[in-house]
C-alpha atoms as a PDB file:
ATOM      1  CA  MET A   1    -136.409  46.912 170.845  1.00  0.00           C
ATOM      2  CA  LEU A   2    -134.924  49.513 169.194  1.00  0.00           C
ATOM      3  CA  ASP A   3    -134.768  53.192 170.399  1.00  0.00           C
ATOM      4  CA  PRO A   4    -137.551  55.065 168.802  1.00  0.00           C
ATOM      5  CA  VAL A   5    -136.130  58.520 169.484  1.00  0.00           C
ATOM      6  CA  ALA A   6    -132.639  57.448 167.849  1.00  0.00           C
ATOM      7  CA  CYS A   7    -134.513  56.085 164.917  1.00  0.00           C
ATOM      8  CA  ASP A   8    -136.866  59.032 164.322  1.00  0.00           C
ATOM      9  CA  LEU A   9    -133.989  61.666 164.740  1.00  0.00           C
ATOM     10  CA  GLU A  10    -131.943  59.544 162.287  1.00  0.00           C
ATOM     11  CA  CYS A  11    -135.015  59.107 159.724  1.00  0.00           C
ATOM     12  CA  ARG A  12    -135.408  62.827 159.963  1.00  0.00           C
ATOM     13  CA  HIS A  13    -131.756  63.292 159.255  1.00  0.00           C
ATOM     14  CA  LEU A  14    -132.049  61.336 156.210  1.00  0.00           C
ATOM     15  CA  VAL A  15    -134.963  63.276 154.989  1.00  0.00           C
ATOM     16  CA  ALA A  16    -133.486  66.263 155.455  1.00  0.00           C
ATOM     17  CA  ALA A  17    -130.473  65.331 153.328  1.00  0.00           C
ATOM     18  CA  ILE A  18    -132.702  63.920 150.627  1.00  0.00           C
ATOM     19  CA  LEU A  19    -134.679  67.382 150.592  1.00  0.00           C
ATOM     20  CA  VAL A  20    -131.507  69.216 150.259  1.00  0.00           C
ATOM     21  CA  TRP A  21    -130.505  67.155 147.374  1.00  0.00           C
ATOM     22  CA  ARG A  22    -133.486  66.860 145.442  1.00  0.00           C
ATOM     23  CA  PRO A  23    -135.555  70.036 145.190  1.00  0.00           C
ATOM     24  CA  GLY A  24    -132.291  72.232 146.169  1.00  0.00           C
ATOM     25  CA  GLY A  25    -129.873  70.660 143.736  1.00  0.00           C
ATOM     26  CA  GLY A  26    -127.562  69.806 146.333  1.00  0.00           C
ATOM     27  CA  SER A  27    -124.655  67.185 146.561  1.00  0.00           C
ATOM     28  CA  LEU A  28    -125.126  63.583 147.246  1.00  0.00           C
ATOM     29  CA  ARG A  29    -122.525  63.378 149.687  1.00  0.00           C
ATOM     30  CA  PRO A  30    -125.273  64.356 152.831  1.00  0.00           C
ATOM     31  CA  ILE A  31    -127.245  61.579 151.845  1.00  0.00           C
ATOM     32  CA  LEU A  32    -124.419  58.983 151.721  1.00  0.00           C
ATOM     33  CA  TYR A  33    -123.386  60.457 155.224  1.00  0.00           C
ATOM     34  CA  ALA A  34    -126.909  60.151 156.589  1.00  0.00           C
ATOM     35  CA  VAL A  35    -127.349  56.710 155.443  1.00  0.00           C
ATOM     36  CA  VAL A  36    -124.124  55.809 156.915  1.00  0.00           C
ATOM     37  CA  PHE A  37    -124.803  57.370 160.047  1.00  0.00           C
ATOM     38  CA  PHE A  38    -128.048  55.721 160.086  1.00  0.00           C
ATOM     39  CA  GLY A  39    -126.550  52.346 159.832  1.00  0.00           C
ATOM     40  CA  LEU A  40    -123.990  52.776 162.606  1.00  0.00           C
ATOM     41  CA  THR A  41    -126.875  54.099 164.712  1.00  0.00           C
ATOM     42  CA  LEU A  42    -128.850  50.862 164.313  1.00  0.00           C
ATOM     43  CA  ALA A  43    -125.737  48.786 165.275  1.00  0.00           C
ATOM     44  CA  GLN A  44    -125.084  51.046 167.940  1.00  0.00           C
ATOM     45  CA  ILE A  45    -128.403  50.445 169.310  1.00  0.00           C
ATOM     46  CA  ALA A  46    -128.205  46.594 168.630  1.00  0.00           C
ATOM     47  CA  LEU A  47    -125.013  46.123 170.307  1.00  0.00           C
ATOM     48  CA  GLY A  48    -126.211  48.279 173.412  1.00  0.00           C
ATOM     49  CA  ILE A  49    -129.208  46.274 173.963  1.00  0.00           C
ATOM     50  CA  ALA A  50    -127.188  42.837 173.361  1.00  0.00           C
ATOM     51  CA  HIS A  51    -124.792  44.192 176.414  1.00  0.00           C
ATOM     52  CA  VAL A  52    -121.917  43.739 173.650  1.00  0.00           C
ATOM     53  CA  LYS A  53    -119.589  46.484 175.073  1.00  0.00           C
ATOM     54  CA  THR A  54    -116.434  45.921 173.264  1.00  0.00           C
ATOM     55  CA  PRO A  55    -117.443  47.042 169.757  1.00  0.00           C
ATOM     56  CA  HIS A  56    -120.396  49.393 171.483  1.00  0.00           C
ATOM     57  CA  VAL A  57    -118.200  51.809 173.172  1.00  0.00           C
ATOM     58  CA  PRO A  58    -115.580  52.160 170.158  1.00  0.00           C
ATOM     59  CA  LEU A  59    -118.632  52.838 167.776  1.00  0.00           C
ATOM     60  CA  GLY A  60    -119.966  55.457 169.945  1.00  0.00           C
ATOM     61  CA  VAL A  61    -116.629  57.259 169.856  1.00  0.00           C
ATOM     62  CA  LEU A  62    -116.481  56.784 165.907  1.00  0.00           C
ATOM     63  CA  MET A  63    -119.832  58.006 165.803  1.00  0.00           C
ATOM     64  CA  PHE A  64    -119.020  61.242 167.882  1.00  0.00           C
ATOM     65  CA  GLY A  65    -115.895  61.759 165.974  1.00  0.00           C
ATOM     66  CA  MET A  66    -117.906  61.660 162.629  1.00  0.00           C
ATOM     67  CA  SER A  67    -120.281  64.133 163.969  1.00  0.00           C
ATOM     68  CA  VAL A  68    -117.754  66.580 165.268  1.00  0.00           C
ATOM     69  CA  LEU A  69    -115.831  66.298 161.844  1.00  0.00           C
ATOM     70  CA  ARG A  70    -119.205  66.863 159.855  1.00  0.00           C
ATOM     71  CA  LEU A  71    -119.887  69.730 161.982  1.00  0.00           C
ATOM     72  CA  GLY A  72    -116.531  71.340 161.395  1.00  0.00           C
ATOM     73  CA  GLY A  73    -117.169  70.944 157.773  1.00  0.00           C
ATOM     74  CA  VAL A  74    -120.145  72.568 157.816  1.00  0.00           C
ATOM     75  CA  TRP A  75    -119.044  75.602 159.693  1.00  0.00           C
ATOM     76  CA  ALA A  76    -115.927  75.831 157.504  1.00  0.00           C
ATOM     77  CA  SER A  77    -118.111  76.069 154.369  1.00  0.00           C
ATOM     78  CA  ARG A  78    -120.319  78.580 156.037  1.00  0.00           C
ATOM     79  CA  ARG A  79    -117.274  80.811 156.697  1.00  0.00           C
ATOM     80  CA  THR A  80    -116.094  80.462 153.226  1.00  0.00           C
ATOM     81  CA  HIS A  81    -119.628  81.459 151.922  1.00  0.00           C
ATOM     82  CA  VAL A  82    -119.720  84.594 154.266  1.00  0.00           C
ATOM     83  CA  ALA A  83    -116.385  85.496 153.108  1.00  0.00           C
ATOM     84  CA  ALA A  84    -116.966  85.566 149.477  1.00  0.00           C
ATOM     85  CA  ALA A  85    -119.956  87.348 149.895  1.00  0.00           C
ATOM     86  CA  THR A  86    -118.304  90.288 151.755  1.00  0.00           C
END
């Protein structure tokens, strides 16, 4: 059985990305990132349930790294916007 909390969070992440794009006129890049991350989360859950640790652990590290890179990109773009406003 899939983890309902992880699936719920990823679905909310995807919905938030769509809401930023559609009404806000934002980029499609956050939607692509959300879809890829949702697929990786499903794979991570399935591998964990099946006790297949060889790909499960590196996939978790990859997902953590992707999250850190994405967060760094968001912070960098916010600093650029704040610097341009002043």
